[in-house]
Amino acid sequence: MASLNTSRNADRPDDMYQMLIDAHEGKTKAESDAFNARLILTLMNHIGDSAVIAEALAVAEG
């Protein structure tokens, strides 16, 4: 079983953040919300481990 990596792991975090900001450019709030939902589901599918997803949800909950 894998565990959630909460250490800095992004190779180019500023560029990744900018990609996310750019992806929302010109979208309405509803379109951005729908985009975020699709992105989250895509990344959850990529992770593929429900235990890791549960850890991530707990971390995000704070």
PDB file of N, CA and C in Angstrom:
ATOM      1  N   MET A   1       0.841  -1.183   0.000  1.00  0.00           N
ATOM      2  CA  MET A   1       0.000   0.000   0.000  1.00  0.00           C
ATOM      3  C   MET A   1       0.887   1.248   0.000  1.00  0.00           C
ATOM      4  N   ALA A   2       0.601   2.149  -0.872  1.00  0.00           N
ATOM      5  CA  ALA A   2       1.321   3.421  -0.947  1.00  0.00           C
ATOM      6  C   ALA A   2       0.810   4.369   0.135  1.00  0.00           C
ATOM      7  N   SER A   3       1.581   5.401   0.398  1.00  0.00           N
ATOM      8  CA  SER A   3       1.122   6.444   1.318  1.00  0.00           C
ATOM      9  C   SER A   3       1.274   7.795   0.629  1.00  0.00           C
ATOM     10  N   LEU A   4       0.530   8.744   1.116  1.00  0.00           N
ATOM     11  CA  LEU A   4       0.512  10.075   0.527  1.00  0.00           C
ATOM     12  C   LEU A   4       1.850  10.778   0.747  1.00  0.00           C
ATOM     13  N   ASN A   5       2.404  11.300  -0.320  1.00  0.00           N
ATOM     14  CA  ASN A   5       3.638  12.082  -0.243  1.00  0.00           C
ATOM     15  C   ASN A   5       3.248  13.544  -0.055  1.00  0.00           C
ATOM     16  N   THR A   6       3.521  14.082   1.126  1.00  0.00           N
ATOM     17  CA  THR A   6       3.202  15.488   1.386  1.00  0.00           C
ATOM     18  C   THR A   6       4.435  16.382   1.335  1.00  0.00           C
ATOM     19  N   SER A   7       5.577  15.788   0.982  1.00  0.00           N
ATOM     20  CA  SER A   7       6.793  16.576   0.795  1.00  0.00           C
ATOM     21  C   SER A   7       6.747  17.252  -0.570  1.00  0.00           C
ATOM     22  N   ARG A   8       7.487  18.348  -0.713  1.00  0.00           N
ATOM     23  CA  ARG A   8       7.554  19.016  -2.016  1.00  0.00           C
ATOM     24  C   ARG A   8       8.026  18.006  -3.054  1.00  0.00           C
ATOM     25  N   ASN A   9       7.240  17.866  -4.117  1.00  0.00           N
ATOM     26  CA  ASN A   9       7.515  16.838  -5.113  1.00  0.00           C
ATOM     27  C   ASN A   9       7.411  17.370  -6.534  1.00  0.00           C
ATOM     28  N   ALA A  10       7.056  18.614  -6.704  1.00  0.00           N
ATOM     29  CA  ALA A  10       6.882  19.197  -8.032  1.00  0.00           C
ATOM     30  C   ALA A  10       8.226  19.644  -8.581  1.00  0.00           C
ATOM     31  N   ASP A  11       8.497  19.286  -9.828  1.00  0.00           N
ATOM     32  CA  ASP A  11       9.778  19.663 -10.417  1.00  0.00           C
ATOM     33  C   ASP A  11       9.851  21.155 -10.731  1.00  0.00           C
ATOM     34  N   ARG A  12       8.732  21.746 -11.124  1.00  0.00           N
ATOM     35  CA  ARG A  12       8.692  23.185 -11.436  1.00  0.00           C
ATOM     36  C   ARG A  12       7.375  23.753 -10.892  1.00  0.00           C
ATOM     37  N   PRO A  13       7.284  23.935  -9.579  1.00  0.00           N
ATOM     38  CA  PRO A  13       6.011  24.315  -8.959  1.00  0.00           C
ATOM     39  C   PRO A  13       5.428  25.633  -9.482  1.00  0.00           C
ATOM     40  N   ASP A  14       6.266  26.617  -9.752  1.00  0.00           N
ATOM     41  CA  ASP A  14       5.745  27.891 -10.249  1.00  0.00           C
ATOM     42  C   ASP A  14       5.126  27.725 -11.629  1.00  0.00           C
ATOM     43  N   ASP A  15       5.768  26.940 -12.472  1.00  0.00           N
ATOM     44  CA  ASP A  15       5.219  26.680 -13.806  1.00  0.00           C
ATOM     45  C   ASP A  15       3.917  25.887 -13.720  1.00  0.00           C
ATOM     46  N   MET A  16       3.869  24.930 -12.799  1.00  0.00           N
ATOM     47  CA  MET A  16       2.652  24.133 -12.631  1.00  0.00           C
ATOM     48  C   MET A  16       1.507  25.005 -12.142  1.00  0.00           C
ATOM     49  N   TYR A  17       1.793  25.892 -11.203  1.00  0.00           N
ATOM     50  CA  TYR A  17       0.771  26.819 -10.710  1.00  0.00           C
ATOM     51  C   TYR A  17       0.270  27.706 -11.850  1.00  0.00           C
ATOM     52  N   GLN A  18       1.187  28.195 -12.661  1.00  0.00           N
ATOM     53  CA  GLN A  18       0.796  29.052 -13.782  1.00  0.00           C
ATOM     54  C   GLN A  18      -0.073  28.295 -14.789  1.00  0.00           C
ATOM     55  N   MET A  19       0.247  27.018 -15.022  1.00  0.00           N
ATOM     56  CA  MET A  19      -0.584  26.204 -15.917  1.00  0.00           C
ATOM     57  C   MET A  19      -2.016  26.116 -15.392  1.00  0.00           C
ATOM     58  N   LEU A  20      -2.147  25.951 -14.086  1.00  0.00           N
ATOM     59  CA  LEU A  20      -3.478  25.876 -13.478  1.00  0.00           C
ATOM     60  C   LEU A  20      -4.218  27.203 -13.623  1.00  0.00           C
ATOM     61  N   ILE A  21      -3.543  28.294 -13.343  1.00  0.00           N
ATOM     62  CA  ILE A  21      -4.152  29.624 -13.496  1.00  0.00           C
ATOM     63  C   ILE A  21      -4.563  29.841 -14.946  1.00  0.00           C
ATOM     64  N   ASP A  22      -3.687  29.521 -15.877  1.00  0.00           N
ATOM     65  CA  ASP A  22      -3.987  29.699 -17.305  1.00  0.00           C
ATOM     66  C   ASP A  22      -5.166  28.843 -17.746  1.00  0.00           C
ATOM     67  N   ALA A  23      -5.297  27.651 -17.173  1.00  0.00           N
ATOM     68  CA  ALA A  23      -6.401  26.762 -17.542  1.00  0.00           C
ATOM     69  C   ALA A  23      -7.757  27.343 -17.158  1.00  0.00           C
ATOM     70  N   HIS A  24      -7.770  28.234 -16.185  1.00  0.00           N
ATOM     71  CA  HIS A  24      -9.022  28.863 -15.735  1.00  0.00           C
ATOM     72  C   HIS A  24      -9.330  30.169 -16.471  1.00  0.00           C
ATOM     73  N   GLU A  25      -8.380  30.639 -17.237  1.00  0.00           N
ATOM     74  CA  GLU A  25      -8.536  31.917 -17.956  1.00  0.00           C
ATOM     75  C   GLU A  25      -9.800  31.918 -18.813  1.00  0.00           C
ATOM     76  N   GLY A  26     -10.615  32.927 -18.628  1.00  0.00           N
ATOM     77  CA  GLY A  26     -11.811  33.110 -19.452  1.00  0.00           C
ATOM     78  C   GLY A  26     -12.998  32.254 -19.051  1.00  0.00           C
ATOM     79  N   LYS A  27     -12.850  31.426 -18.025  1.00  0.00           N
ATOM     80  CA  LYS A  27     -13.958  30.575 -17.591  1.00  0.00           C
ATOM     81  C   LYS A  27     -14.817  31.312 -16.567  1.00  0.00           C
ATOM     82  N   THR A  28     -16.096  31.013 -16.598  1.00  0.00           N
ATOM     83  CA  THR A  28     -16.981  31.511 -15.549  1.00  0.00           C
ATOM     84  C   THR A  28     -16.712  30.722 -14.270  1.00  0.00           C
ATOM     85  N   LYS A  29     -17.289  31.146 -13.160  1.00  0.00           N
ATOM     86  CA  LYS A  29     -17.141  30.413 -11.889  1.00  0.00           C
ATOM     87  C   LYS A  29     -17.646  28.988 -12.053  1.00  0.00           C
ATOM     88  N   ALA A  30     -18.789  28.819 -12.680  1.00  0.00           N
ATOM     89  CA  ALA A  30     -19.348  27.478 -12.873  1.00  0.00           C
ATOM     90  C   ALA A  30     -18.443  26.625 -13.762  1.00  0.00           C
ATOM     91  N   GLU A  31     -17.897  27.214 -14.803  1.00  0.00           N
ATOM     92  CA  GLU A  31     -16.992  26.479 -15.686  1.00  0.00           C
ATOM     93  C   GLU A  31     -15.703  26.098 -14.948  1.00  0.00           C
ATOM     94  N   SER A  32     -15.186  27.005 -14.129  1.00  0.00           N
ATOM     95  CA  SER A  32     -13.987  26.715 -13.342  1.00  0.00           C
ATOM     96  C   SER A  32     -14.249  25.610 -12.329  1.00  0.00           C
ATOM     97  N   ASP A  33     -15.398  25.658 -11.683  1.00  0.00           N
ATOM     98  CA  ASP A  33     -15.762  24.609 -10.724  1.00  0.00           C
ATOM     99  C   ASP A  33     -15.857  23.250 -11.417  1.00  0.00           C
ATOM    100  N   ALA A  34     -16.471  23.212 -12.582  1.00  0.00           N
ATOM    101  CA  ALA A  34     -16.603  21.960 -13.338  1.00  0.00           C
ATOM    102  C   ALA A  34     -15.226  21.475 -13.795  1.00  0.00           C
ATOM    103  N   PHE A  35     -14.388  22.392 -14.235  1.00  0.00           N
ATOM    104  CA  PHE A  35     -13.026  22.046 -14.637  1.00  0.00           C
ATOM    105  C   PHE A  35     -12.271  21.438 -13.459  1.00  0.00           C
ATOM    106  N   ASN A  36     -12.361  22.079 -12.290  1.00  0.00           N
ATOM    107  CA  ASN A  36     -11.675  21.570 -11.102  1.00  0.00           C
ATOM    108  C   ASN A  36     -12.159  20.171 -10.745  1.00  0.00           C
ATOM    109  N   ALA A  37     -13.457  19.942 -10.838  1.00  0.00           N
ATOM    110  CA  ALA A  37     -13.999  18.613 -10.541  1.00  0.00           C
ATOM    111  C   ALA A  37     -13.440  17.572 -11.500  1.00  0.00           C
ATOM    112  N   ARG A  38     -13.391  17.897 -12.789  1.00  0.00           N
ATOM    113  CA  ARG A  38     -12.846  16.955 -13.770  1.00  0.00           C
ATOM    114  C   ARG A  38     -11.354  16.714 -13.525  1.00  0.00           C
ATOM    115  N   LEU A  39     -10.625  17.765 -13.182  1.00  0.00           N
ATOM    116  CA  LEU A  39      -9.198  17.635 -12.902  1.00  0.00           C
ATOM    117  C   LEU A  39      -8.966  16.742 -11.687  1.00  0.00           C
ATOM    118  N   ILE A  40      -9.721  16.978 -10.630  1.00  0.00           N
ATOM    119  CA  ILE A  40      -9.583  16.174  -9.409  1.00  0.00           C
ATOM    120  C   ILE A  40      -9.877  14.705  -9.702  1.00  0.00           C
ATOM    121  N   LEU A  41     -10.961  14.430 -10.422  1.00  0.00           N
ATOM    122  CA  LEU A  41     -11.304  13.045 -10.746  1.00  0.00           C
ATOM    123  C   LEU A  41     -10.240  12.397 -11.626  1.00  0.00           C
ATOM    124  N   THR A  42      -9.674  13.154 -12.552  1.00  0.00           N
ATOM    125  CA  THR A  42      -8.604  12.637 -13.410  1.00  0.00           C
ATOM    126  C   THR A  42      -7.377  12.276 -12.576  1.00  0.00           C
ATOM    127  N   LEU A  43      -7.003  13.155 -11.648  1.00  0.00           N
ATOM    128  CA  LEU A  43      -5.835  12.892 -10.804  1.00  0.00           C
ATOM    129  C   LEU A  43      -6.098  11.755  -9.818  1.00  0.00           C
ATOM    130  N   MET A  44      -7.326  11.656  -9.303  1.00  0.00           N
ATOM    131  CA  MET A  44      -7.677  10.535  -8.429  1.00  0.00           C
ATOM    132  C   MET A  44      -7.559   9.220  -9.191  1.00  0.00           C
ATOM    133  N   ASN A  45      -8.006   9.207 -10.433  1.00  0.00           N
ATOM    134  CA  ASN A  45      -7.888   8.014 -11.253  1.00  0.00           C
ATOM    135  C   ASN A  45      -6.414   7.669 -11.478  1.00  0.00           C
ATOM    136  N   HIS A  46      -5.599   8.683 -11.703  1.00  0.00           N
ATOM    137  CA  HIS A  46      -4.168   8.455 -11.912  1.00  0.00           C
ATOM    138  C   HIS A  46      -3.532   7.839 -10.663  1.00  0.00           C
ATOM    139  N   ILE A  47      -3.885   8.336  -9.499  1.00  0.00           N
ATOM    140  CA  ILE A  47      -3.353   7.804  -8.240  1.00  0.00           C
ATOM    141  C   ILE A  47      -3.824   6.361  -8.058  1.00  0.00           C
ATOM    142  N   GLY A  48      -5.107   6.153  -8.211  1.00  0.00           N
ATOM    143  CA  GLY A  48      -5.661   4.807  -8.234  1.00  0.00           C
ATOM    144  C   GLY A  48      -5.664   4.032  -6.928  1.00  0.00           C
ATOM    145  N   ASP A  49      -5.265   4.620  -5.846  1.00  0.00           N
ATOM    146  CA  ASP A  49      -5.189   3.933  -4.555  1.00  0.00           C
ATOM    147  C   ASP A  49      -6.131   4.640  -3.587  1.00  0.00           C
ATOM    148  N   SER A  50      -7.207   3.954  -3.200  1.00  0.00           N
ATOM    149  CA  SER A  50      -8.228   4.608  -2.370  1.00  0.00           C
ATOM    150  C   SER A  50      -7.683   5.028  -1.003  1.00  0.00           C
ATOM    151  N   ALA A  51      -6.696   4.309  -0.482  1.00  0.00           N
ATOM    152  CA  ALA A  51      -6.116   4.705   0.807  1.00  0.00           C
ATOM    153  C   ALA A  51      -5.360   6.019   0.678  1.00  0.00           C
ATOM    154  N   VAL A  52      -4.647   6.194  -0.419  1.00  0.00           N
ATOM    155  CA  VAL A  52      -3.930   7.449  -0.657  1.00  0.00           C
ATOM    156  C   VAL A  52      -4.925   8.587  -0.857  1.00  0.00           C
ATOM    157  N   ILE A  53      -5.995   8.321  -1.590  1.00  0.00           N
ATOM    158  CA  ILE A  53      -7.042   9.337  -1.785  1.00  0.00           C
ATOM    159  C   ILE A  53      -7.643   9.731  -0.438  1.00  0.00           C
ATOM    160  N   ALA A  54      -7.903   8.755   0.428  1.00  0.00           N
ATOM    161  CA  ALA A  54      -8.456   9.051   1.760  1.00  0.00           C
ATOM    162  C   ALA A  54      -7.497   9.925   2.560  1.00  0.00           C
ATOM    163  N   GLU A  55      -6.198   9.645   2.481  1.00  0.00           N
ATOM    164  CA  GLU A  55      -5.199  10.481   3.165  1.00  0.00           C
ATOM    165  C   GLU A  55      -5.221  11.908   2.622  1.00  0.00           C
ATOM    166  N   ALA A  56      -5.289  12.026   1.301  1.00  0.00           N
ATOM    167  CA  ALA A  56      -5.291  13.354   0.670  1.00  0.00           C
ATOM    168  C   ALA A  56      -6.541  14.136   1.081  1.00  0.00           C
ATOM    169  N   LEU A  57      -7.679  13.465   1.123  1.00  0.00           N
ATOM    170  CA  LEU A  57      -8.912  14.145   1.541  1.00  0.00           C
ATOM    171  C   LEU A  57      -8.803  14.628   2.990  1.00  0.00           C
ATOM    172  N   ALA A  58      -8.208  13.819   3.841  1.00  0.00           N
ATOM    173  CA  ALA A  58      -8.026  14.221   5.242  1.00  0.00           C
ATOM    174  C   ALA A  58      -7.081  15.420   5.358  1.00  0.00           C
ATOM    175  N   VAL A  59      -6.000  15.408   4.580  1.00  0.00           N
ATOM    176  CA  VAL A  59      -5.068  16.538   4.581  1.00  0.00           C
ATOM    177  C   VAL A  59      -5.759  17.799   4.094  1.00  0.00           C
ATOM    178  N   ALA A  60      -6.522  17.681   3.024  1.00  0.00           N
ATOM    179  CA  ALA A  60      -7.218  18.842   2.456  1.00  0.00           C
ATOM    180  C   ALA A  60      -8.266  19.385   3.415  1.00  0.00           C
ATOM    181  N   GLU A  61      -8.870  18.511   4.209  1.00  0.00           N
ATOM    182  CA  GLU A  61      -9.885  18.928   5.178  1.00  0.00           C
ATOM    183  C   GLU A  61      -9.259  19.787   6.281  1.00  0.00           C
ATOM    184  N   GLY A  62      -7.988  19.544   6.527  1.00  0.00           N
ATOM    185  CA  GLY A  62      -7.266  20.353   7.511  1.00  0.00           C
ATOM    186  C   GLY A  62      -7.393  19.812   8.858  1.00  0.00           C
TER     187      GLY A  62
END
